[in-house]
Amino acid sequence: MKEPVIETVDSYGMTAERQFSDLWARDVLSMRDRRLLLLGLLVGQGIDDQAEIQLDAALRTKLLSEGELREVVVFVTHYAGWSRGARLNAQVEELIARVAEDDPGPA
């Protein structure tokens, strides 16, 4: 297969993508473990936009269920603080509602 012509080279983006894909491909920790660790770090640092991306990925790939995401909220709130926990709770509930709307249900 011939690679498409790139009009603008994003060498930083390509390098970062390669490094992160290598990091996520390591087999010592499971994908679920990595996702949980990353969620804790992002919430703890207040990086809400990235946490939202990771929450979405965790739910849609079924690495974490709705109930498990809600349990993450309970657990992380006690360590990251109530304001960050409240924000995480809102993100989780909005995501669950959005995914339910996207699901056409049984055929």
N, C-alpha and C. Protein backbone atom coordinates (compact mmCIF):
# COMPACT_ATOMS: atom_id res chain seq x y z
N MET A 1 0.85 -1.18 0.00
CA MET A 1 0.00 0.00 0.00
C MET A 1 0.88 1.24 0.00
N LYS A 2 0.55 2.17 -0.83
CA LYS A 2 1.31 3.40 -0.94
C LYS A 2 0.81 4.40 0.09
N GLU A 3 1.73 4.99 0.83
CA GLU A 3 1.38 5.99 1.84
C GLU A 3 0.89 7.27 1.17
N PRO A 4 -0.12 7.93 1.75
CA PRO A 4 -0.59 9.19 1.16
C PRO A 4 0.46 10.29 1.31
N VAL A 5 0.44 11.20 0.38
CA VAL A 5 1.36 12.33 0.42
C VAL A 5 0.96 13.25 1.56
N ILE A 6 1.93 13.63 2.37
CA ILE A 6 1.69 14.53 3.48
C ILE A 6 2.06 15.94 3.04
N GLU A 7 1.10 16.85 3.14
CA GLU A 7 1.35 18.22 2.73
C GLU A 7 2.19 18.97 3.76
N THR A 8 1.90 18.74 5.02
CA THR A 8 2.65 19.38 6.11
C THR A 8 3.12 18.27 7.04
N VAL A 9 4.40 18.28 7.33
CA VAL A 9 4.96 17.25 8.20
C VAL A 9 4.87 17.71 9.65
N ASP A 10 4.18 16.92 10.45
CA ASP A 10 4.06 17.18 11.88
C ASP A 10 4.99 16.19 12.59
N SER A 11 6.28 16.49 12.55
CA SER A 11 7.25 15.54 13.10
C SER A 11 7.05 15.34 14.60
N TYR A 12 6.67 16.40 15.33
CA TYR A 12 6.41 16.24 16.76
C TYR A 12 5.23 15.30 16.99
N GLY A 13 4.15 15.53 16.25
CA GLY A 13 2.96 14.69 16.39
C GLY A 13 3.24 13.25 16.04
N MET A 14 4.00 13.03 14.99
CA MET A 14 4.33 11.67 14.58
C MET A 14 5.21 10.98 15.63
N THR A 15 6.15 11.72 16.17
CA THR A 15 7.04 11.17 17.20
C THR A 15 6.26 10.85 18.47
N ALA A 16 5.40 11.78 18.89
CA ALA A 16 4.60 11.56 20.09
C ALA A 16 3.67 10.37 19.91
N GLU A 17 3.03 10.28 18.75
CA GLU A 17 2.13 9.16 18.49
C GLU A 17 2.89 7.84 18.56
N ARG A 18 4.06 7.80 18.00
CA ARG A 18 4.86 6.56 18.02
C ARG A 18 5.27 6.20 19.45
N GLN A 19 5.71 7.20 20.21
CA GLN A 19 6.14 6.93 21.58
C GLN A 19 4.98 6.46 22.44
N PHE A 20 3.83 7.09 22.32
CA PHE A 20 2.67 6.68 23.11
C PHE A 20 2.16 5.31 22.69
N SER A 21 2.17 5.03 21.39
CA SER A 21 1.70 3.70 20.96
C SER A 21 2.64 2.62 21.48
N ASP A 22 3.94 2.88 21.49
CA ASP A 22 4.89 1.91 22.07
C ASP A 22 4.64 1.74 23.56
N LEU A 23 4.38 2.83 24.24
CA LEU A 23 4.14 2.78 25.68
C LEU A 23 2.89 1.96 26.00
N TRP A 24 1.82 2.18 25.24
CA TRP A 24 0.55 1.48 25.49
C TRP A 24 0.63 0.02 25.04
N ALA A 25 1.58 -0.33 24.20
CA ALA A 25 1.70 -1.70 23.70
C ALA A 25 2.50 -2.61 24.64
N ARG A 26 3.15 -2.05 25.62
CA ARG A 26 3.92 -2.87 26.56
C ARG A 26 2.97 -3.83 27.27
N ASP A 27 3.46 -5.00 27.67
CA ASP A 27 2.56 -6.03 28.18
C ASP A 27 2.65 -6.30 29.68
N VAL A 28 3.38 -5.50 30.42
CA VAL A 28 3.48 -5.73 31.87
C VAL A 28 2.20 -5.33 32.59
N LEU A 29 1.61 -4.21 32.19
CA LEU A 29 0.32 -3.77 32.72
C LEU A 29 -0.74 -3.97 31.65
N SER A 30 -1.94 -4.29 32.07
CA SER A 30 -3.03 -4.43 31.11
C SER A 30 -3.48 -3.04 30.64
N MET A 31 -4.23 -3.02 29.55
CA MET A 31 -4.79 -1.76 29.06
C MET A 31 -5.69 -1.14 30.13
N ARG A 32 -6.44 -1.98 30.83
CA ARG A 32 -7.33 -1.51 31.88
C ARG A 32 -6.53 -0.86 33.00
N ASP A 33 -5.44 -1.50 33.42
CA ASP A 33 -4.57 -0.93 34.45
C ASP A 33 -4.04 0.43 34.02
N ARG A 34 -3.57 0.50 32.78
CA ARG A 34 -3.01 1.77 32.27
C ARG A 34 -4.08 2.86 32.24
N ARG A 35 -5.28 2.49 31.81
CA ARG A 35 -6.37 3.47 31.72
C ARG A 35 -6.72 3.99 33.12
N LEU A 36 -6.78 3.11 34.11
CA LEU A 36 -7.09 3.53 35.48
C LEU A 36 -6.00 4.44 36.05
N LEU A 37 -4.76 4.07 35.82
CA LEU A 37 -3.65 4.92 36.30
C LEU A 37 -3.71 6.30 35.66
N LEU A 38 -3.92 6.31 34.36
CA LEU A 38 -3.96 7.58 33.64
C LEU A 38 -5.14 8.44 34.10
N LEU A 39 -6.30 7.83 34.31
CA LEU A 39 -7.45 8.58 34.80
C LEU A 39 -7.15 9.21 36.16
N GLY A 40 -6.54 8.44 37.06
CA GLY A 40 -6.19 8.99 38.37
C GLY A 40 -5.24 10.16 38.27
N LEU A 41 -4.25 10.04 37.42
CA LEU A 41 -3.29 11.14 37.24
C LEU A 41 -3.96 12.38 36.66
N LEU A 42 -4.77 12.18 35.63
CA LEU A 42 -5.42 13.32 34.98
C LEU A 42 -6.39 14.04 35.91
N VAL A 43 -7.19 13.27 36.64
CA VAL A 43 -8.14 13.88 37.58
C VAL A 43 -7.37 14.58 38.70
N GLY A 44 -6.35 13.93 39.21
CA GLY A 44 -5.56 14.51 40.29
C GLY A 44 -4.91 15.83 39.91
N GLN A 45 -4.55 15.96 38.63
CA GLN A 45 -3.93 17.18 38.15
C GLN A 45 -4.95 18.18 37.60
N GLY A 46 -6.20 17.79 37.56
CA GLY A 46 -7.24 18.69 37.06
C GLY A 46 -7.22 18.87 35.56
N ILE A 47 -6.75 17.86 34.83
CA ILE A 47 -6.70 17.94 33.36
C ILE A 47 -7.99 17.32 32.82
N ASP A 48 -9.06 18.08 32.93
CA ASP A 48 -10.41 17.58 32.65
C ASP A 48 -10.63 17.16 31.20
N ASP A 49 -10.08 17.92 30.24
CA ASP A 49 -10.34 17.59 28.84
C ASP A 49 -9.72 16.25 28.47
N GLN A 50 -8.55 15.96 28.97
CA GLN A 50 -7.92 14.68 28.69
C GLN A 50 -8.60 13.55 29.47
N ALA A 51 -9.05 13.85 30.68
CA ALA A 51 -9.78 12.84 31.47
C ALA A 51 -11.04 12.43 30.72
N GLU A 52 -11.71 13.39 30.12
CA GLU A 52 -12.94 13.09 29.38
C GLU A 52 -12.66 12.14 28.22
N ILE A 53 -11.56 12.35 27.52
CA ILE A 53 -11.17 11.47 26.41
C ILE A 53 -10.91 10.06 26.92
N GLN A 54 -10.22 9.95 28.04
CA GLN A 54 -9.88 8.65 28.59
C GLN A 54 -11.12 7.93 29.14
N LEU A 55 -12.03 8.67 29.75
CA LEU A 55 -13.29 8.08 30.22
C LEU A 55 -14.07 7.49 29.05
N ASP A 56 -14.17 8.27 27.99
CA ASP A 56 -14.89 7.83 26.79
C ASP A 56 -14.26 6.56 26.23
N ALA A 57 -12.96 6.55 26.12
CA ALA A 57 -12.26 5.37 25.59
C ALA A 57 -12.48 4.16 26.50
N ALA A 58 -12.42 4.36 27.80
CA ALA A 58 -12.60 3.25 28.74
C ALA A 58 -13.99 2.64 28.63
N LEU A 59 -15.01 3.47 28.49
CA LEU A 59 -16.38 2.97 28.42
C LEU A 59 -16.68 2.33 27.07
N ARG A 60 -16.30 3.01 25.99
CA ARG A 60 -16.64 2.52 24.66
C ARG A 60 -15.87 1.26 24.28
N THR A 61 -14.68 1.07 24.84
CA THR A 61 -13.91 -0.15 24.57
C THR A 61 -14.24 -1.25 25.57
N LYS A 62 -15.12 -0.92 26.51
CA LYS A 62 -15.58 -1.86 27.54
C LYS A 62 -14.46 -2.29 28.50
N LEU A 63 -13.42 -1.45 28.61
CA LEU A 63 -12.40 -1.70 29.62
C LEU A 63 -12.97 -1.45 31.01
N LEU A 64 -13.89 -0.49 31.09
CA LEU A 64 -14.57 -0.18 32.34
C LEU A 64 -16.07 -0.06 32.06
N SER A 65 -16.86 -0.61 32.95
CA SER A 65 -18.32 -0.53 32.82
C SER A 65 -18.82 0.77 33.44
N GLU A 66 -20.09 1.05 33.27
CA GLU A 66 -20.70 2.23 33.90
C GLU A 66 -20.51 2.16 35.41
N GLY A 67 -20.79 1.02 35.99
CA GLY A 67 -20.65 0.86 37.44
C GLY A 67 -19.21 1.06 37.90
N GLU A 68 -18.27 0.55 37.13
CA GLU A 68 -16.85 0.73 37.49
C GLU A 68 -16.43 2.18 37.37
N LEU A 69 -16.92 2.89 36.36
CA LEU A 69 -16.60 4.32 36.25
C LEU A 69 -17.16 5.08 37.44
N ARG A 70 -18.34 4.73 37.86
CA ARG A 70 -18.93 5.39 39.03
C ARG A 70 -18.12 5.08 40.29
N GLU A 71 -17.60 3.88 40.39
CA GLU A 71 -16.75 3.52 41.53
C GLU A 71 -15.42 4.27 41.50
N VAL A 72 -14.91 4.51 40.30
CA VAL A 72 -13.70 5.33 40.16
C VAL A 72 -13.97 6.72 40.72
N VAL A 73 -15.15 7.26 40.42
CA VAL A 73 -15.53 8.58 40.96
C VAL A 73 -15.47 8.57 42.48
N VAL A 74 -16.09 7.57 43.10
CA VAL A 74 -16.12 7.48 44.56
C VAL A 74 -14.70 7.41 45.11
N PHE A 75 -13.89 6.55 44.54
CA PHE A 75 -12.54 6.34 45.05
C PHE A 75 -11.66 7.58 44.86
N VAL A 76 -11.64 8.09 43.64
CA VAL A 76 -10.76 9.22 43.31
C VAL A 76 -11.17 10.47 44.08
N THR A 77 -12.46 10.67 44.31
CA THR A 77 -12.93 11.84 45.04
C THR A 77 -12.27 11.95 46.41
N HIS A 78 -12.09 10.84 47.07
CA HIS A 78 -11.50 10.85 48.41
C HIS A 78 -10.02 11.22 48.40
N TYR A 79 -9.36 11.05 47.28
CA TYR A 79 -7.94 11.38 47.20
C TYR A 79 -7.66 12.68 46.44
N ALA A 80 -8.48 12.99 45.44
CA ALA A 80 -8.24 14.18 44.62
C ALA A 80 -9.00 15.39 45.13
N GLY A 81 -9.97 15.17 46.01
CA GLY A 81 -10.74 16.27 46.55
C GLY A 81 -12.14 16.31 45.99
N TRP A 82 -13.01 16.95 46.76
CA TRP A 82 -14.43 16.96 46.42
C TRP A 82 -14.73 17.75 45.16
N SER A 83 -14.04 18.85 44.92
CA SER A 83 -14.34 19.63 43.71
C SER A 83 -13.94 18.87 42.45
N ARG A 84 -12.78 18.22 42.48
CA ARG A 84 -12.38 17.42 41.32
C ARG A 84 -13.27 16.19 41.18
N GLY A 85 -13.66 15.62 42.29
CA GLY A 85 -14.57 14.47 42.26
C GLY A 85 -15.92 14.84 41.69
N ALA A 86 -16.41 16.01 42.04
CA ALA A 86 -17.70 16.47 41.51
C ALA A 86 -17.61 16.67 40.00
N ARG A 87 -16.50 17.23 39.55
CA ARG A 87 -16.31 17.42 38.10
C ARG A 87 -16.24 16.07 37.40
N LEU A 88 -15.49 15.13 37.98
CA LEU A 88 -15.39 13.79 37.40
C LEU A 88 -16.75 13.12 37.35
N ASN A 89 -17.52 13.26 38.41
CA ASN A 89 -18.86 12.67 38.45
C ASN A 89 -19.73 13.23 37.31
N ALA A 90 -19.66 14.53 37.11
CA ALA A 90 -20.44 15.13 36.02
C ALA A 90 -19.98 14.59 34.67
N GLN A 91 -18.68 14.46 34.48
CA GLN A 91 -18.16 13.92 33.22
C GLN A 91 -18.64 12.49 33.00
N VAL A 92 -18.58 11.67 34.03
CA VAL A 92 -18.98 10.27 33.91
C VAL A 92 -20.48 10.18 33.59
N GLU A 93 -21.30 10.93 34.31
CA GLU A 93 -22.75 10.84 34.07
C GLU A 93 -23.12 11.38 32.69
N GLU A 94 -22.47 12.45 32.25
CA GLU A 94 -22.73 12.98 30.91
C GLU A 94 -22.31 11.97 29.84
N LEU A 95 -21.18 11.31 30.06
CA LEU A 95 -20.71 10.29 29.11
C LEU A 95 -21.67 9.12 29.05
N ILE A 96 -22.10 8.62 30.18
CA ILE A 96 -23.03 7.49 30.22
C ILE A 96 -24.32 7.85 29.48
N ALA A 97 -24.83 9.04 29.69
CA ALA A 97 -26.05 9.48 28.99
C ALA A 97 -25.80 9.59 27.49
N ARG A 98 -24.67 10.13 27.10
CA ARG A 98 -24.35 10.31 25.69
C ARG A 98 -24.21 8.94 24.99
N VAL A 99 -23.53 8.00 25.63
CA VAL A 99 -23.36 6.67 25.06
C VAL A 99 -24.71 5.97 24.94
N ALA A 100 -25.57 6.13 25.94
CA ALA A 100 -26.91 5.53 25.88
C ALA A 100 -27.71 6.08 24.72
N GLU A 101 -27.57 7.38 24.45
CA GLU A 101 -28.27 8.00 23.32
C GLU A 101 -27.74 7.47 21.99
N ASP A 102 -26.43 7.20 21.92
CA ASP A 102 -25.79 6.71 20.69
C ASP A 102 -26.11 5.25 20.39
N ASP A 103 -26.48 4.49 21.43
CA ASP A 103 -26.73 3.06 21.29
C ASP A 103 -28.13 2.83 20.73
N PRO A 104 -28.21 2.20 19.55
CA PRO A 104 -29.54 1.97 18.97
C PRO A 104 -30.32 0.87 19.67
N GLY A 105 -29.68 0.14 20.58
CA GLY A 105 -30.38 -0.93 21.31
C GLY A 105 -30.41 -2.20 20.49
N PRO A 106 -31.11 -3.22 21.02
CA PRO A 106 -31.16 -4.50 20.31
C PRO A 106 -31.92 -4.38 19.00
N ALA A 107 -31.41 -5.10 18.01
CA ALA A 107 -32.04 -5.02 16.67
C ALA A 107 -33.20 -5.98 16.55
